[in-house]
Amino acid sequence: MKTETIQHKNISSHKKTSTDAIIFKAVGYPLITIFAIVCLIPFLIVIGSSFTSEAEIARSGYRIIPSQFTLESYKAVFQNPESILRAYGITIFITILGTALSTLFSMMTGYALMRKDFRWRNQVSFFFFFTTLFSGGLMPWYMVCVALGFKDNIMALLIPGIISVWNIILVKGFVAGIPYEITESAKIDGAGDFQIFFKLIWPLSTPVIATIGLFTALNYWNSWYNTMLFINDSKLYSLQYLLYKLINDAEAMRNIAAESGEIINTVPIESMKMALTVIVTGPILLLYPFVQRYFIKGLTLGAVKG
């Protein structure tokens, strides 16, 4: 009798679960599809507008599908391809090296601050956290960087962004979820601190590594402010700052022509903005699919444990 009752309950529970799953799929999938389409539309508009003539944008606005396909905006951007390719190379170099160093230092710092045998971990953590609330200001930071020789130096684009307190907090929260007995057993077997870190903690921290790596790569890729502050040599311009200057120079030329009574239509400023957006965001978008599953897991686990 008891067996029949248990089986009946299991069948009822299974039917309820199946009904809930059907309702979720019927409601959730269409909503997710609509949301994805809404998120995709702006990208399609940017891509379509980059192949639209300046006159058509002024007449009909931005469109997903241009009535007349043209490459004039890309031709305007690549009038000097050497500078674009050089800026691409600098930005790729900074992004790869900066992401590698920042990820390594963030992992090592977060792991050290989590260890129970680090006597001053709470005091050191306070100093890191304090910098998220208060800072010395722009001018002292700028003077320190200039004193370190960052003026017209590619290190100005690399070193200031290596340490991120947010990444350290995220790593600390994630590593705290790794059982401490793992490191203790490794110590008993004679493993050193670096062996434990690189052979145990590092492989187990793949989700959070992918998360902070993506954050850092996006930060380096989109960086233009440090270039504006420290770099005067055009050969050291990052991609973002070079494209920013191209837009500003084109708009300044059009404004000067308008003030003098002349009309210049040779520079497709609006469509060129869209083309620059495609050029800048295209490569970094290709990175996200490879780290997506690690990114979501690392972010949520770090948030729960933090």
C-alpha atoms as a PDB file:
ATOM      1  CA  MET A   1       0.000   0.000   0.000  1.00  0.00           C
ATOM      2  CA  LYS A   2       2.779   2.400   0.924  1.00  0.00           C
ATOM      3  CA  THR A   3       4.569   1.530  -2.325  1.00  0.00           C
ATOM      4  CA  GLU A   4       1.494   2.356  -4.370  1.00  0.00           C
ATOM      5  CA  THR A   5       1.104   5.688  -2.538  1.00  0.00           C
ATOM      6  CA  ILE A   6       4.740   6.611  -3.203  1.00  0.00           C
ATOM      7  CA  GLN A   7       4.412   5.677  -6.864  1.00  0.00           C
ATOM      8  CA  HIS A   8       1.225   7.776  -7.136  1.00  0.00           C
ATOM      9  CA  LYS A   9       3.012  10.758  -5.595  1.00  0.00           C
ATOM     10  CA  ASN A  10       5.947  10.335  -7.973  1.00  0.00           C
ATOM     11  CA  ILE A  11       3.610  10.201 -10.981  1.00  0.00           C
ATOM     12  CA  SER A  12       1.764  13.332  -9.789  1.00  0.00           C
ATOM     13  CA  SER A  13       5.040  15.159  -9.181  1.00  0.00           C
ATOM     14  CA  HIS A  14       6.307  14.163 -12.627  1.00  0.00           C
ATOM     15  CA  LYS A  15       3.100  15.414 -14.283  1.00  0.00           C
ATOM     16  CA  LYS A  16       3.345  18.705 -12.395  1.00  0.00           C
ATOM     17  CA  THR A  17       6.988  19.112 -13.394  1.00  0.00           C
ATOM     18  CA  SER A  18       6.157  18.355 -17.027  1.00  0.00           C
ATOM     19  CA  THR A  19       3.320  20.917 -16.990  1.00  0.00           C
ATOM     20  CA  ASP A  20       5.583  23.568 -15.445  1.00  0.00           C
ATOM     21  CA  ALA A  21       8.245  22.857 -18.043  1.00  0.00           C
ATOM     22  CA  ILE A  22       5.743  23.180 -20.895  1.00  0.00           C
ATOM     23  CA  ILE A  23       4.430  26.492 -19.523  1.00  0.00           C
ATOM     24  CA  PHE A  24       7.956  27.786 -19.038  1.00  0.00           C
ATOM     25  CA  LYS A  25       8.945  26.888 -22.590  1.00  0.00           C
ATOM     26  CA  ALA A  26       5.730  28.311 -24.038  1.00  0.00           C
ATOM     27  CA  VAL A  27       6.185  31.646 -22.243  1.00  0.00           C
ATOM     28  CA  GLY A  28       9.923  31.892 -21.704  1.00  0.00           C
ATOM     29  CA  TYR A  29      11.236  31.044 -25.155  1.00  0.00           C
ATOM     30  CA  PRO A  30       9.128  33.646 -27.019  1.00  0.00           C
ATOM     31  CA  LEU A  31      10.059  36.327 -24.466  1.00  0.00           C
ATOM     32  CA  ILE A  32      13.752  35.483 -24.714  1.00  0.00           C
ATOM     33  CA  THR A  33      13.521  35.517 -28.520  1.00  0.00           C
ATOM     34  CA  ILE A  34      11.840  38.935 -28.511  1.00  0.00           C
ATOM     35  CA  PHE A  35      14.399  40.299 -26.073  1.00  0.00           C
ATOM     36  CA  ALA A  36      17.267  38.952 -28.202  1.00  0.00           C
ATOM     37  CA  ILE A  37      15.791  40.581 -31.324  1.00  0.00           C
ATOM     38  CA  VAL A  38      15.400  43.902 -29.497  1.00  0.00           C
ATOM     39  CA  CYS A  39      19.062  43.713 -28.416  1.00  0.00           C
ATOM     40  CA  LEU A  40      20.175  42.771 -31.935  1.00  0.00           C
ATOM     41  CA  ILE A  41      18.359  45.573 -33.762  1.00  0.00           C
ATOM     42  CA  PRO A  42      20.793  48.373 -32.720  1.00  0.00           C
ATOM     43  CA  PHE A  43      23.763  46.350 -34.021  1.00  0.00           C
ATOM     44  CA  LEU A  44      21.969  45.745 -37.307  1.00  0.00           C
ATOM     45  CA  ILE A  45      21.192  49.451 -37.605  1.00  0.00           C
ATOM     46  CA  VAL A  46      24.847  50.331 -37.012  1.00  0.00           C
ATOM     47  CA  ILE A  47      26.041  47.824 -39.614  1.00  0.00           C
ATOM     48  CA  GLY A  48      23.417  48.876 -42.161  1.00  0.00           C
ATOM     49  CA  SER A  49      24.067  52.590 -41.625  1.00  0.00           C
ATOM     50  CA  SER A  50      27.796  52.099 -42.123  1.00  0.00           C
ATOM     51  CA  PHE A  51      27.007  51.069 -45.710  1.00  0.00           C
ATOM     52  CA  THR A  52      24.606  53.984 -46.254  1.00  0.00           C
ATOM     53  CA  SER A  53      25.490  57.223 -48.001  1.00  0.00           C
ATOM     54  CA  GLU A  54      25.607  60.471 -46.041  1.00  0.00           C
ATOM     55  CA  ALA A  55      22.838  61.970 -48.163  1.00  0.00           C
ATOM     56  CA  GLU A  56      20.486  59.069 -47.508  1.00  0.00           C
ATOM     57  CA  ILE A  57      21.087  59.263 -43.746  1.00  0.00           C
ATOM     58  CA  ALA A  58      20.303  62.988 -43.812  1.00  0.00           C
ATOM     59  CA  ARG A  59      17.173  62.350 -45.871  1.00  0.00           C
ATOM     60  CA  SER A  60      15.758  59.111 -44.419  1.00  0.00           C
ATOM     61  CA  GLY A  61      17.650  58.506 -41.172  1.00  0.00           C
ATOM     62  CA  TYR A  62      19.389  55.327 -40.080  1.00  0.00           C
ATOM     63  CA  ARG A  63      18.224  52.067 -41.613  1.00  0.00           C
ATOM     64  CA  ILE A  64      18.969  48.397 -41.231  1.00  0.00           C
ATOM     65  CA  ILE A  65      18.932  47.837 -44.984  1.00  0.00           C
ATOM     66  CA  PRO A  66      20.276  50.753 -47.051  1.00  0.00           C
ATOM     67  CA  SER A  67      18.482  51.592 -50.281  1.00  0.00           C
ATOM     68  CA  GLN A  68      21.842  52.293 -51.932  1.00  0.00           C
ATOM     69  CA  PHE A  69      24.824  50.242 -50.845  1.00  0.00           C
ATOM     70  CA  THR A  70      28.063  52.264 -50.596  1.00  0.00           C
ATOM     71  CA  LEU A  71      31.530  51.920 -49.085  1.00  0.00           C
ATOM     72  CA  GLU A  72      32.317  55.636 -48.903  1.00  0.00           C
ATOM     73  CA  SER A  73      32.451  55.658 -45.098  1.00  0.00           C
ATOM     74  CA  TYR A  74      34.996  52.804 -44.995  1.00  0.00           C
ATOM     75  CA  LYS A  75      37.016  54.471 -47.744  1.00  0.00           C
ATOM     76  CA  ALA A  76      37.121  57.661 -45.677  1.00  0.00           C
ATOM     77  CA  VAL A  77      38.260  55.749 -42.584  1.00  0.00           C
ATOM     78  CA  PHE A  78      40.967  53.826 -44.446  1.00  0.00           C
ATOM     79  CA  GLN A  79      42.386  56.775 -46.376  1.00  0.00           C
ATOM     80  CA  ASN A  80      45.517  56.248 -44.286  1.00  0.00           C
ATOM     81  CA  PRO A  81      45.499  52.465 -43.663  1.00  0.00           C
ATOM     82  CA  GLU A  82      48.972  52.466 -42.095  1.00  0.00           C
ATOM     83  CA  SER A  83      47.830  54.505 -39.094  1.00  0.00           C
ATOM     84  CA  ILE A  84      44.754  52.309 -38.609  1.00  0.00           C
ATOM     85  CA  LEU A  85      46.768  49.095 -38.777  1.00  0.00           C
ATOM     86  CA  ARG A  86      49.424  50.515 -36.449  1.00  0.00           C
ATOM     87  CA  ALA A  87      46.759  51.539 -33.929  1.00  0.00           C
ATOM     88  CA  TYR A  88      45.211  48.087 -34.237  1.00  0.00           C
ATOM     89  CA  GLY A  89      48.577  46.491 -33.493  1.00  0.00           C
ATOM     90  CA  ILE A  90      49.171  48.684 -30.433  1.00  0.00           C
ATOM     91  CA  THR A  91      45.686  48.050 -29.088  1.00  0.00           C
ATOM     92  CA  ILE A  92      45.929  44.283 -29.633  1.00  0.00           C
ATOM     93  CA  PHE A  93      49.362  44.192 -27.957  1.00  0.00           C
ATOM     94  CA  ILE A  94      48.156  46.196 -24.954  1.00  0.00           C
ATOM     95  CA  THR A  95      44.964  44.169 -24.656  1.00  0.00           C
ATOM     96  CA  ILE A  96      46.709  40.784 -24.730  1.00  0.00           C
ATOM     97  CA  LEU A  97      49.636  41.683 -22.450  1.00  0.00           C
ATOM     98  CA  GLY A  98      47.560  43.837 -20.096  1.00  0.00           C
ATOM     99  CA  THR A  99      44.866  41.169 -19.750  1.00  0.00           C
ATOM    100  CA  ALA A 100      47.447  38.460 -19.024  1.00  0.00           C
ATOM    101  CA  LEU A 101      49.264  40.531 -16.390  1.00  0.00           C
ATOM    102  CA  SER A 102      46.103  41.885 -14.793  1.00  0.00           C
ATOM    103  CA  THR A 103      44.558  38.411 -14.569  1.00  0.00           C
ATOM    104  CA  LEU A 104      47.714  36.983 -13.015  1.00  0.00           C
ATOM    105  CA  PHE A 105      48.098  39.757 -10.436  1.00  0.00           C
ATOM    106  CA  SER A 106      44.384  39.774  -9.578  1.00  0.00           C
ATOM    107  CA  MET A 107      44.386  36.006  -9.076  1.00  0.00           C
ATOM    108  CA  MET A 108      47.511  36.060  -6.909  1.00  0.00           C
ATOM    109  CA  THR A 109      46.272  38.992  -4.817  1.00  0.00           C
ATOM    110  CA  GLY A 110      42.771  37.604  -4.352  1.00  0.00           C
ATOM    111  CA  TYR A 111      44.138  34.194  -3.385  1.00  0.00           C
ATOM    112  CA  ALA A 112      46.593  35.699  -0.882  1.00  0.00           C
ATOM    113  CA  LEU A 113      43.875  37.828   0.745  1.00  0.00           C
ATOM    114  CA  MET A 114      41.660  34.748   1.094  1.00  0.00           C
ATOM    115  CA  ARG A 115      44.221  32.542   2.818  1.00  0.00           C
ATOM    116  CA  LYS A 116      43.532  32.027   6.496  1.00  0.00           C
ATOM    117  CA  ASP A 117      47.224  31.767   7.333  1.00  0.00           C
ATOM    118  CA  PHE A 118      47.871  35.304   6.017  1.00  0.00           C
ATOM    119  CA  ARG A 119      47.893  37.206   9.295  1.00  0.00           C
ATOM    120  CA  TRP A 120      47.292  40.710   7.893  1.00  0.00           C
ATOM    121  CA  ARG A 121      44.743  39.787   5.244  1.00  0.00           C
ATOM    122  CA  ASN A 122      41.931  41.930   6.737  1.00  0.00           C
ATOM    123  CA  GLN A 123      44.131  45.011   7.064  1.00  0.00           C
ATOM    124  CA  VAL A 124      45.484  44.678   3.512  1.00  0.00           C
ATOM    125  CA  SER A 125      41.971  44.057   2.172  1.00  0.00           C
ATOM    126  CA  PHE A 126      40.871  47.302   3.829  1.00  0.00           C
ATOM    127  CA  PHE A 127      43.563  49.265   1.977  1.00  0.00           C
ATOM    128  CA  PHE A 128      42.382  47.825  -1.333  1.00  0.00           C
ATOM    129  CA  PHE A 129      38.734  48.506  -0.536  1.00  0.00           C
ATOM    130  CA  PHE A 130      39.520  52.049   0.669  1.00  0.00           C
ATOM    131  CA  THR A 131      40.730  53.017  -2.817  1.00  0.00           C
ATOM    132  CA  THR A 132      37.279  52.244  -4.217  1.00  0.00           C
ATOM    133  CA  LEU A 133      35.790  54.936  -1.960  1.00  0.00           C
ATOM    134  CA  PHE A 134      38.466  57.634  -2.003  1.00  0.00           C
ATOM    135  CA  SER A 135      41.280  58.578  -4.374  1.00  0.00           C
ATOM    136  CA  GLY A 136      43.978  61.211  -4.576  1.00  0.00           C
ATOM    137  CA  GLY A 137      42.411  62.833  -7.629  1.00  0.00           C
ATOM    138  CA  LEU A 138      43.410  63.238 -11.249  1.00  0.00           C
ATOM    139  CA  MET A 139      46.275  65.697 -10.864  1.00  0.00           C
ATOM    140  CA  PRO A 140      48.326  63.699  -8.285  1.00  0.00           C
ATOM    141  CA  TRP A 141      47.762  60.551 -10.339  1.00  0.00           C
ATOM    142  CA  TYR A 142      48.875  62.328 -13.510  1.00  0.00           C
ATOM    143  CA  MET A 143      51.979  63.776 -11.807  1.00  0.00           C
ATOM    144  CA  VAL A 144      52.979  60.357 -10.471  1.00  0.00           C
ATOM    145  CA  CYS A 145      52.592  58.776 -13.916  1.00  0.00           C
ATOM    146  CA  VAL A 146      54.662  61.523 -15.556  1.00  0.00           C
ATOM    147  CA  ALA A 147      57.328  61.150 -12.849  1.00  0.00           C
ATOM    148  CA  LEU A 148      57.481  57.437 -13.656  1.00  0.00           C
ATOM    149  CA  GLY A 149      58.287  58.268 -17.289  1.00  0.00           C
ATOM    150  CA  PHE A 150      54.922  57.437 -18.837  1.00  0.00           C
ATOM    151  CA  LYS A 151      54.856  60.506 -21.090  1.00  0.00           C
ATOM    152  CA  ASP A 152      54.938  59.336 -24.723  1.00  0.00           C
ATOM    153  CA  ASN A 153      55.568  55.817 -23.465  1.00  0.00           C
ATOM    154  CA  ILE A 154      53.480  52.785 -24.348  1.00  0.00           C
ATOM    155  CA  MET A 155      53.635  51.779 -20.672  1.00  0.00           C
ATOM    156  CA  ALA A 156      51.158  54.602 -20.003  1.00  0.00           C
ATOM    157  CA  LEU A 157      48.567  52.526 -21.823  1.00  0.00           C
ATOM    158  CA  LEU A 158      49.477  49.315 -19.998  1.00  0.00           C
ATOM    159  CA  ILE A 159      50.483  49.776 -16.358  1.00  0.00           C
ATOM    160  CA  PRO A 160      47.727  52.050 -14.928  1.00  0.00           C
ATOM    161  CA  GLY A 161      45.028  49.495 -15.717  1.00  0.00           C
ATOM    162  CA  ILE A 162      46.769  46.355 -14.470  1.00  0.00           C
ATOM    163  CA  ILE A 163      45.336  46.345 -10.934  1.00  0.00           C
ATOM    164  CA  SER A 164      41.562  46.327 -10.508  1.00  0.00           C
ATOM    165  CA  VAL A 165      40.137  46.165  -6.989  1.00  0.00           C
ATOM    166  CA  TRP A 166      36.824  44.911  -8.373  1.00  0.00           C
ATOM    167  CA  ASN A 167      38.590  41.947  -9.979  1.00  0.00           C
ATOM    168  CA  ILE A 168      40.470  41.218  -6.769  1.00  0.00           C
ATOM    169  CA  ILE A 169      37.229  41.188  -4.767  1.00  0.00           C
ATOM    170  CA  LEU A 170      35.645  38.915  -7.364  1.00  0.00           C
ATOM    171  CA  VAL A 171      38.593  36.504  -7.238  1.00  0.00           C
ATOM    172  CA  LYS A 172      38.656  36.535  -3.442  1.00  0.00           C
ATOM    173  CA  GLY A 173      34.979  35.613  -3.299  1.00  0.00           C
ATOM    174  CA  PHE A 174      35.358  32.833  -5.836  1.00  0.00           C
ATOM    175  CA  VAL A 175      38.493  31.275  -4.341  1.00  0.00           C
ATOM    176  CA  ALA A 176      36.835  31.295  -0.913  1.00  0.00           C
ATOM    177  CA  GLY A 177      34.495  28.644  -2.305  1.00  0.00           C
ATOM    178  CA  ILE A 178      37.367  26.253  -2.955  1.00  0.00           C
ATOM    179  CA  PRO A 179      37.765  23.865   0.027  1.00  0.00           C
ATOM    180  CA  TYR A 180      40.698  24.895   2.178  1.00  0.00           C
ATOM    181  CA  GLU A 181      41.507  21.230   2.777  1.00  0.00           C
ATOM    182  CA  ILE A 182      42.833  21.013  -0.781  1.00  0.00           C
ATOM    183  CA  THR A 183      45.687  23.390  -0.040  1.00  0.00           C
ATOM    184  CA  GLU A 184      46.286  21.812   3.355  1.00  0.00           C
ATOM    185  CA  SER A 185      46.661  18.341   1.856  1.00  0.00           C
ATOM    186  CA  ALA A 186      48.995  19.749  -0.798  1.00  0.00           C
ATOM    187  CA  LYS A 187      51.151  21.317   1.920  1.00  0.00           C
ATOM    188  CA  ILE A 188      51.338  17.988   3.735  1.00  0.00           C
ATOM    189  CA  ASP A 189      52.586  16.418   0.497  1.00  0.00           C
ATOM    190  CA  GLY A 190      55.357  19.017   0.360  1.00  0.00           C
ATOM    191  CA  ALA A 191      53.949  21.432  -2.248  1.00  0.00           C
ATOM    192  CA  GLY A 192      55.062  25.047  -2.058  1.00  0.00           C
ATOM    193  CA  ASP A 193      52.853  28.134  -2.298  1.00  0.00           C
ATOM    194  CA  PHE A 194      53.487  28.676  -6.007  1.00  0.00           C
ATOM    195  CA  GLN A 195      52.895  25.001  -6.766  1.00  0.00           C
ATOM    196  CA  ILE A 196      49.582  25.117  -4.918  1.00  0.00           C
ATOM    197  CA  PHE A 197      48.561  28.283  -6.713  1.00  0.00           C
ATOM    198  CA  PHE A 198      49.451  27.281 -10.264  1.00  0.00           C
ATOM    199  CA  LYS A 199      48.659  23.545 -10.087  1.00  0.00           C
ATOM    200  CA  LEU A 200      45.555  23.590  -7.870  1.00  0.00           C
ATOM    201  CA  ILE A 201      43.967  27.014  -7.478  1.00  0.00           C
ATOM    202  CA  TRP A 202      44.532  28.224 -11.036  1.00  0.00           C
ATOM    203  CA  PRO A 203      42.920  25.204 -12.808  1.00  0.00           C
ATOM    204  CA  LEU A 204      39.954  25.274 -10.420  1.00  0.00           C
ATOM    205  CA  SER A 205      39.416  28.998 -11.036  1.00  0.00           C
ATOM    206  CA  THR A 206      38.761  28.850 -14.782  1.00  0.00           C
ATOM    207  CA  PRO A 207      35.314  30.536 -14.520  1.00  0.00           C
ATOM    208  CA  VAL A 208      36.552  33.550 -12.580  1.00  0.00           C
ATOM    209  CA  ILE A 209      39.676  33.801 -14.752  1.00  0.00           C
ATOM    210  CA  ALA A 210      37.474  34.001 -17.846  1.00  0.00           C
ATOM    211  CA  THR A 211      35.274  36.591 -16.137  1.00  0.00           C
ATOM    212  CA  ILE A 212      37.979  39.000 -15.042  1.00  0.00           C
ATOM    213  CA  GLY A 213      39.856  38.350 -18.288  1.00  0.00           C
ATOM    214  CA  LEU A 214      36.860  39.508 -20.302  1.00  0.00           C
ATOM    215  CA  PHE A 215      36.358  42.559 -18.083  1.00  0.00           C
ATOM    216  CA  THR A 216      40.013  43.520 -18.394  1.00  0.00           C
ATOM    217  CA  ALA A 217      40.189  42.884 -22.144  1.00  0.00           C
ATOM    218  CA  LEU A 218      37.160  45.120 -22.715  1.00  0.00           C
ATOM    219  CA  ASN A 219      38.719  47.812 -20.537  1.00  0.00           C
ATOM    220  CA  TYR A 220      42.008  47.793 -22.438  1.00  0.00           C
ATOM    221  CA  TRP A 221      40.338  47.540 -25.832  1.00  0.00           C
ATOM    222  CA  ASN A 222      38.048  50.517 -25.185  1.00  0.00           C
ATOM    223  CA  SER A 223      40.691  52.635 -23.466  1.00  0.00           C
ATOM    224  CA  TRP A 224      41.382  56.051 -24.996  1.00  0.00           C
ATOM    225  CA  TYR A 225      41.668  58.363 -21.974  1.00  0.00           C
ATOM    226  CA  ASN A 226      45.257  57.480 -21.073  1.00  0.00           C
ATOM    227  CA  THR A 227      46.277  58.030 -24.690  1.00  0.00           C
ATOM    228  CA  MET A 228      44.765  61.503 -24.573  1.00  0.00           C
ATOM    229  CA  LEU A 229      46.594  62.342 -21.335  1.00  0.00           C
ATOM    230  CA  PHE A 230      50.054  60.930 -21.972  1.00  0.00           C
ATOM    231  CA  ILE A 231      50.610  60.288 -25.681  1.00  0.00           C
ATOM    232  CA  ASN A 232      51.576  63.001 -28.157  1.00  0.00           C
ATOM    233  CA  ASP A 233      53.320  60.737 -30.663  1.00  0.00           C
ATOM    234  CA  SER A 234      50.758  59.668 -33.265  1.00  0.00           C
ATOM    235  CA  LYS A 235      52.640  56.390 -33.768  1.00  0.00           C
ATOM    236  CA  LEU A 236      51.601  55.336 -30.249  1.00  0.00           C
ATOM    237  CA  TYR A 237      47.903  56.143 -30.576  1.00  0.00           C
ATOM    238  CA  SER A 238      45.498  53.420 -29.507  1.00  0.00           C
ATOM    239  CA  LEU A 239      42.734  52.450 -31.905  1.00  0.00           C
ATOM    240  CA  GLN A 240      39.956  54.101 -29.917  1.00  0.00           C
ATOM    241  CA  TYR A 241      41.768  57.411 -29.631  1.00  0.00           C
ATOM    242  CA  LEU A 242      42.799  57.433 -33.293  1.00  0.00           C
ATOM    243  CA  LEU A 243      39.210  56.921 -34.429  1.00  0.00           C
ATOM    244  CA  TYR A 244      38.069  59.533 -31.924  1.00  0.00           C
ATOM    245  CA  LYS A 245      40.467  62.019 -33.501  1.00  0.00           C
ATOM    246  CA  LEU A 246      39.287  61.122 -37.000  1.00  0.00           C
ATOM    247  CA  ILE A 247      35.706  61.976 -36.073  1.00  0.00           C
ATOM    248  CA  ASN A 248      36.672  65.198 -34.306  1.00  0.00           C
ATOM    249  CA  ASP A 249      38.876  66.333 -37.198  1.00  0.00           C
ATOM    250  CA  ALA A 250      36.131  65.628 -39.730  1.00  0.00           C
ATOM    251  CA  GLU A 251      33.522  67.519 -37.690  1.00  0.00           C
ATOM    252  CA  ALA A 252      35.914  70.422 -37.129  1.00  0.00           C
ATOM    253  CA  MET A 253      36.579  70.622 -40.858  1.00  0.00           C
ATOM    254  CA  ARG A 254      32.849  70.670 -41.590  1.00  0.00           C
ATOM    255  CA  ASN A 255      32.203  73.365 -38.962  1.00  0.00           C
ATOM    256  CA  ILE A 256      34.982  75.574 -40.305  1.00  0.00           C
ATOM    257  CA  ALA A 257      33.639  75.165 -43.832  1.00  0.00           C
ATOM    258  CA  ALA A 258      30.121  76.027 -42.661  1.00  0.00           C
ATOM    259  CA  GLU A 259      31.332  79.183 -40.903  1.00  0.00           C
ATOM    260  CA  SER A 260      33.161  80.292 -44.045  1.00  0.00           C
ATOM    261  CA  GLY A 261      30.044  79.763 -46.157  1.00  0.00           C
ATOM    262  CA  GLU A 262      31.310  76.684 -47.970  1.00  0.00           C
ATOM    263  CA  ILE A 263      29.562  73.308 -48.115  1.00  0.00           C
ATOM    264  CA  ILE A 264      31.592  70.132 -47.837  1.00  0.00           C
ATOM    265  CA  ASN A 265      29.878  66.832 -48.540  1.00  0.00           C
ATOM    266  CA  THR A 266      32.961  64.781 -49.258  1.00  0.00           C
ATOM    267  CA  VAL A 267      33.336  63.547 -45.660  1.00  0.00           C
ATOM    268  CA  PRO A 268      30.528  61.148 -44.647  1.00  0.00           C
ATOM    269  CA  ILE A 269      30.635  61.944 -40.943  1.00  0.00           C
ATOM    270  CA  GLU A 270      27.449  60.200 -39.824  1.00  0.00           C
ATOM    271  CA  SER A 271      28.025  57.003 -41.775  1.00  0.00           C
ATOM    272  CA  MET A 272      31.701  57.137 -40.801  1.00  0.00           C
ATOM    273  CA  LYS A 273      30.677  57.043 -37.124  1.00  0.00           C
ATOM    274  CA  MET A 274      28.795  53.835 -37.814  1.00  0.00           C
ATOM    275  CA  ALA A 275      31.729  52.363 -39.733  1.00  0.00           C
ATOM    276  CA  LEU A 276      34.088  53.214 -36.885  1.00  0.00           C
ATOM    277  CA  THR A 277      31.737  51.488 -34.454  1.00  0.00           C
ATOM    278  CA  VAL A 278      31.847  48.335 -36.576  1.00  0.00           C
ATOM    279  CA  ILE A 279      35.637  48.492 -36.855  1.00  0.00           C
ATOM    280  CA  VAL A 280      36.108  48.970 -33.110  1.00  0.00           C
ATOM    281  CA  THR A 281      33.540  46.533 -31.713  1.00  0.00           C
ATOM    282  CA  GLY A 282      33.825  43.751 -34.289  1.00  0.00           C
ATOM    283  CA  PRO A 283      37.001  42.033 -33.036  1.00  0.00           C
ATOM    284  CA  ILE A 284      36.149  42.162 -29.337  1.00  0.00           C
ATOM    285  CA  LEU A 285      32.669  40.737 -29.981  1.00  0.00           C
ATOM    286  CA  LEU A 286      34.294  37.593 -31.321  1.00  0.00           C
ATOM    287  CA  LEU A 287      35.887  36.983 -27.916  1.00  0.00           C
ATOM    288  CA  TYR A 288      32.654  36.747 -25.922  1.00  0.00           C
ATOM    289  CA  PRO A 289      31.273  33.433 -27.292  1.00  0.00           C
ATOM    290  CA  PHE A 290      34.447  31.619 -26.198  1.00  0.00           C
ATOM    291  CA  VAL A 291      34.187  32.770 -22.549  1.00  0.00           C
ATOM    292  CA  GLN A 292      30.415  33.045 -22.167  1.00  0.00           C
ATOM    293  CA  ARG A 293      29.817  29.884 -20.133  1.00  0.00           C
ATOM    294  CA  TYR A 294      32.770  30.606 -17.841  1.00  0.00           C
ATOM    295  CA  PHE A 295      31.829  34.292 -17.615  1.00  0.00           C
ATOM    296  CA  ILE A 296      28.311  33.695 -16.258  1.00  0.00           C
ATOM    297  CA  LYS A 297      29.428  31.007 -13.790  1.00  0.00           C
ATOM    298  CA  GLY A 298      32.380  33.006 -12.505  1.00  0.00           C
ATOM    299  CA  LEU A 299      30.353  36.206 -12.072  1.00  0.00           C
ATOM    300  CA  THR A 300      27.487  34.572 -10.172  1.00  0.00           C
ATOM    301  CA  LEU A 301      29.685  32.436  -7.934  1.00  0.00           C
ATOM    302  CA  GLY A 302      31.918  35.391  -7.132  1.00  0.00           C
ATOM    303  CA  ALA A 303      28.882  37.508  -6.289  1.00  0.00           C
ATOM    304  CA  VAL A 304      27.382  34.858  -3.991  1.00  0.00           C
ATOM    305  CA  LYS A 305      30.602  34.181  -2.137  1.00  0.00           C
ATOM    306  CA  GLY A 306      31.724  37.824  -1.998  1.00  0.00           C
END
